Amino acid sequence: MDSVEIYTDGACRGNPGPGGWAAVLRSGAREKILQGSESQTTNNRMELTAAVSALRALTRPASVVVFTDSKYVQQGISEWLPAWRARGWKTAGKKPVKNLDLWQALAQATLGHEIDWRWVRGHAGNHYNEQVDRLANEAIDRMLGVRGAD
């Protein structure tokens, strides 16, 4: 089974507002960068989109460590999701789970992989976390036509 490290991040200008996401996948000497953007979204949706997109990019089962600076993603997938499923995708307060489409996509994207979800403090000097933050913001700039984004 391949061993893969994934770093993900989402960004949003306003919340909601224009958003971007990025992921860096590392396996041995190989590295793959993924980026995207949406014109009207939220930061949480971009964080989730980065994780979903990264896992979907894997072509075969892998032992994966996912690094995210989003407690929402890390706790959601590790702690909250099983209970949401058991309650028919409702929160403990009996309200519908927000971003349901992305949580379901993330749950599906994890199938076949062994995944360790790790939270990393954002903007704290972690090289790859800083890189995905920069790439997510570049994706927004590119979408908005900001000069110097390419």
Protein backbone atom coordinates (compact mmCIF):
# COMPACT_ATOMS: atom_id res chain seq x y z
CA MET A 1 0.00 0.00 0.00
CA ASP A 2 1.35 3.41 -0.98
CA SER A 3 2.15 5.93 1.75
CA VAL A 4 0.86 9.45 1.06
CA GLU A 5 0.99 12.75 2.95
CA ILE A 6 -1.69 15.28 2.07
CA TYR A 7 -1.77 18.92 3.14
CA THR A 8 -5.01 20.81 2.57
CA ASP A 9 -6.32 24.32 3.05
CA GLY A 10 -9.27 26.48 2.15
CA ALA A 11 -9.58 30.25 2.01
CA CYS A 12 -12.44 32.67 1.64
CA ARG A 13 -12.61 36.44 1.13
CA GLY A 14 -15.62 37.25 3.20
CA ASN A 15 -17.62 34.38 4.60
CA PRO A 16 -19.51 33.81 2.36
CA GLY A 17 -17.54 35.21 -0.55
CA PRO A 18 -15.07 34.15 -3.21
CA GLY A 19 -13.13 31.12 -2.06
CA GLY A 20 -10.22 28.91 -3.00
CA TRP A 21 -8.78 25.60 -1.93
CA ALA A 22 -5.53 23.74 -2.42
CA ALA A 23 -3.89 20.43 -1.62
CA VAL A 24 -0.38 19.07 -1.88
CA LEU A 25 -0.06 15.27 -2.15
CA ARG A 26 3.37 13.79 -1.39
CA SER A 27 4.49 10.21 -1.91
CA GLY A 28 8.20 9.48 -1.90
CA ALA A 29 9.83 11.94 -4.29
CA ARG A 30 6.53 12.65 -6.09
CA GLU A 31 4.44 15.71 -5.38
CA LYS A 32 1.10 16.76 -6.88
CA ILE A 33 -0.58 20.13 -6.43
CA LEU A 34 -4.34 20.62 -6.73
CA GLN A 35 -6.19 23.96 -6.65
CA GLY A 36 -9.64 25.32 -7.30
CA SER A 37 -11.99 28.16 -6.56
CA GLU A 38 -15.65 29.09 -6.31
CA SER A 39 -17.21 32.51 -6.74
CA GLN A 40 -19.58 32.33 -3.75
CA THR A 41 -18.80 29.93 -0.91
CA THR A 42 -17.67 29.66 2.70
CA ASN A 43 -14.34 28.88 4.31
CA ASN A 44 -15.65 25.57 5.69
CA ARG A 45 -16.80 24.49 2.23
CA MET A 46 -13.36 25.26 0.81
CA GLU A 47 -11.63 23.33 3.62
CA LEU A 48 -13.84 20.32 2.89
CA THR A 49 -13.44 20.64 -0.88
CA ALA A 50 -9.65 20.53 -0.51
CA ALA A 51 -9.83 17.28 1.46
CA VAL A 52 -12.38 15.67 -0.88
CA SER A 53 -10.43 16.65 -4.00
CA ALA A 54 -7.13 15.38 -2.58
CA LEU A 55 -8.55 11.98 -1.61
CA ARG A 56 -10.34 11.63 -4.94
CA ALA A 57 -6.99 12.18 -6.69
CA LEU A 58 -5.61 8.95 -5.20
CA THR A 59 -5.68 6.23 -7.83
CA ARG A 60 -5.34 3.21 -5.53
CA PRO A 61 -5.71 2.36 -1.84
CA ALA A 62 -3.16 4.15 0.30
CA SER A 63 -2.00 4.72 3.85
CA VAL A 64 -2.64 8.45 4.15
CA VAL A 65 -1.85 11.17 6.65
CA VAL A 66 -4.01 14.24 6.02
CA PHE A 67 -2.78 17.49 7.57
CA THR A 68 -5.37 20.25 7.92
CA ASP A 69 -5.46 23.49 9.87
CA SER A 70 -9.25 23.15 10.07
CA LYS A 71 -10.56 21.75 13.35
CA TYR A 72 -13.94 21.62 11.57
CA VAL A 73 -12.59 19.08 9.06
CA GLN A 74 -10.37 17.16 11.48
CA GLN A 75 -12.97 16.82 14.23
CA GLY A 76 -15.83 16.42 11.80
CA ILE A 77 -14.36 13.40 10.04
CA SER A 78 -12.77 11.88 13.16
CA GLU A 79 -15.42 12.51 15.81
CA TRP A 80 -18.73 13.91 14.58
CA LEU A 81 -19.42 12.06 11.33
CA PRO A 82 -20.26 8.63 12.81
CA ALA A 83 -22.85 10.21 15.11
CA TRP A 84 -24.30 12.32 12.29
CA ARG A 85 -24.76 9.19 10.20
CA ALA A 86 -26.38 7.32 13.09
CA ARG A 87 -28.85 10.20 13.54
CA GLY A 88 -29.72 10.39 9.84
CA TRP A 89 -27.30 13.27 9.17
CA LYS A 90 -28.62 15.40 12.01
CA THR A 91 -26.56 17.23 14.62
CA ALA A 92 -26.89 16.54 18.34
CA GLY A 93 -29.33 19.46 18.33
CA LYS A 94 -31.47 17.62 15.73
CA LYS A 95 -30.64 20.15 13.01
CA PRO A 96 -29.50 19.15 9.51
CA VAL A 97 -25.72 18.86 9.16
CA LYS A 98 -24.31 21.88 7.31
CA ASN A 99 -22.37 21.16 4.11
CA LEU A 100 -23.98 17.73 3.94
CA ASP A 101 -23.04 17.21 0.29
CA LEU A 102 -19.35 17.66 1.07
CA TRP A 103 -19.40 15.57 4.26
CA GLN A 104 -21.00 12.72 2.31
CA ALA A 105 -18.47 13.16 -0.50
CA LEU A 106 -15.62 13.14 2.03
CA ALA A 107 -16.94 9.98 3.69
CA GLN A 108 -17.11 8.31 0.28
CA ALA A 109 -13.61 9.51 -0.68
CA THR A 110 -12.11 7.89 2.43
CA LEU A 111 -13.24 4.39 1.43
CA GLY A 112 -10.41 1.99 0.69
CA HIS A 113 -7.77 4.11 2.43
CA GLU A 114 -6.23 4.02 5.89
CA ILE A 115 -6.34 7.65 6.97
CA ASP A 116 -4.83 9.48 9.93
CA TRP A 117 -6.34 12.98 10.21
CA ARG A 118 -3.97 15.45 11.86
CA TRP A 119 -4.60 19.04 12.82
CA VAL A 120 -1.73 21.45 12.28
CA ARG A 121 -1.71 25.05 13.52
CA GLY A 122 -2.17 27.43 10.60
CA HIS A 123 0.32 30.21 9.93
CA ALA A 124 2.82 28.64 12.32
CA GLY A 125 5.72 27.97 9.97
CA ASN A 126 4.80 24.49 8.67
CA HIS A 127 6.18 24.63 5.12
CA TYR A 128 3.44 22.63 3.41
CA ASN A 129 0.63 24.26 5.37
CA GLU A 130 1.99 27.66 4.34
CA GLN A 131 2.22 26.45 0.74
CA VAL A 132 -1.41 25.28 0.54
CA ASP A 133 -2.56 28.51 2.18
CA ARG A 134 -0.70 30.50 -0.48
CA LEU A 135 -2.05 28.26 -3.27
CA ALA A 136 -5.66 28.57 -2.03
CA ASN A 137 -5.36 32.35 -2.02
CA GLU A 138 -3.72 32.31 -5.47
CA ALA A 139 -6.72 30.33 -6.75
CA ILE A 140 -9.02 33.12 -5.54
CA ASP A 141 -6.81 35.78 -7.10
CA ARG A 142 -6.76 33.92 -10.42
CA MET A 143 -10.56 33.59 -10.41
CA LEU A 144 -10.95 37.30 -9.61
CA GLY A 145 -8.42 38.30 -12.27
CA VAL A 146 -6.02 39.85 -9.76
CA ARG A 147 -2.72 40.80 -11.42
CA GLY A 148 0.28 38.70 -10.49
CA ALA A 149 -1.87 35.65 -9.75
CA ASP A 150 -0.20 33.58 -12.49
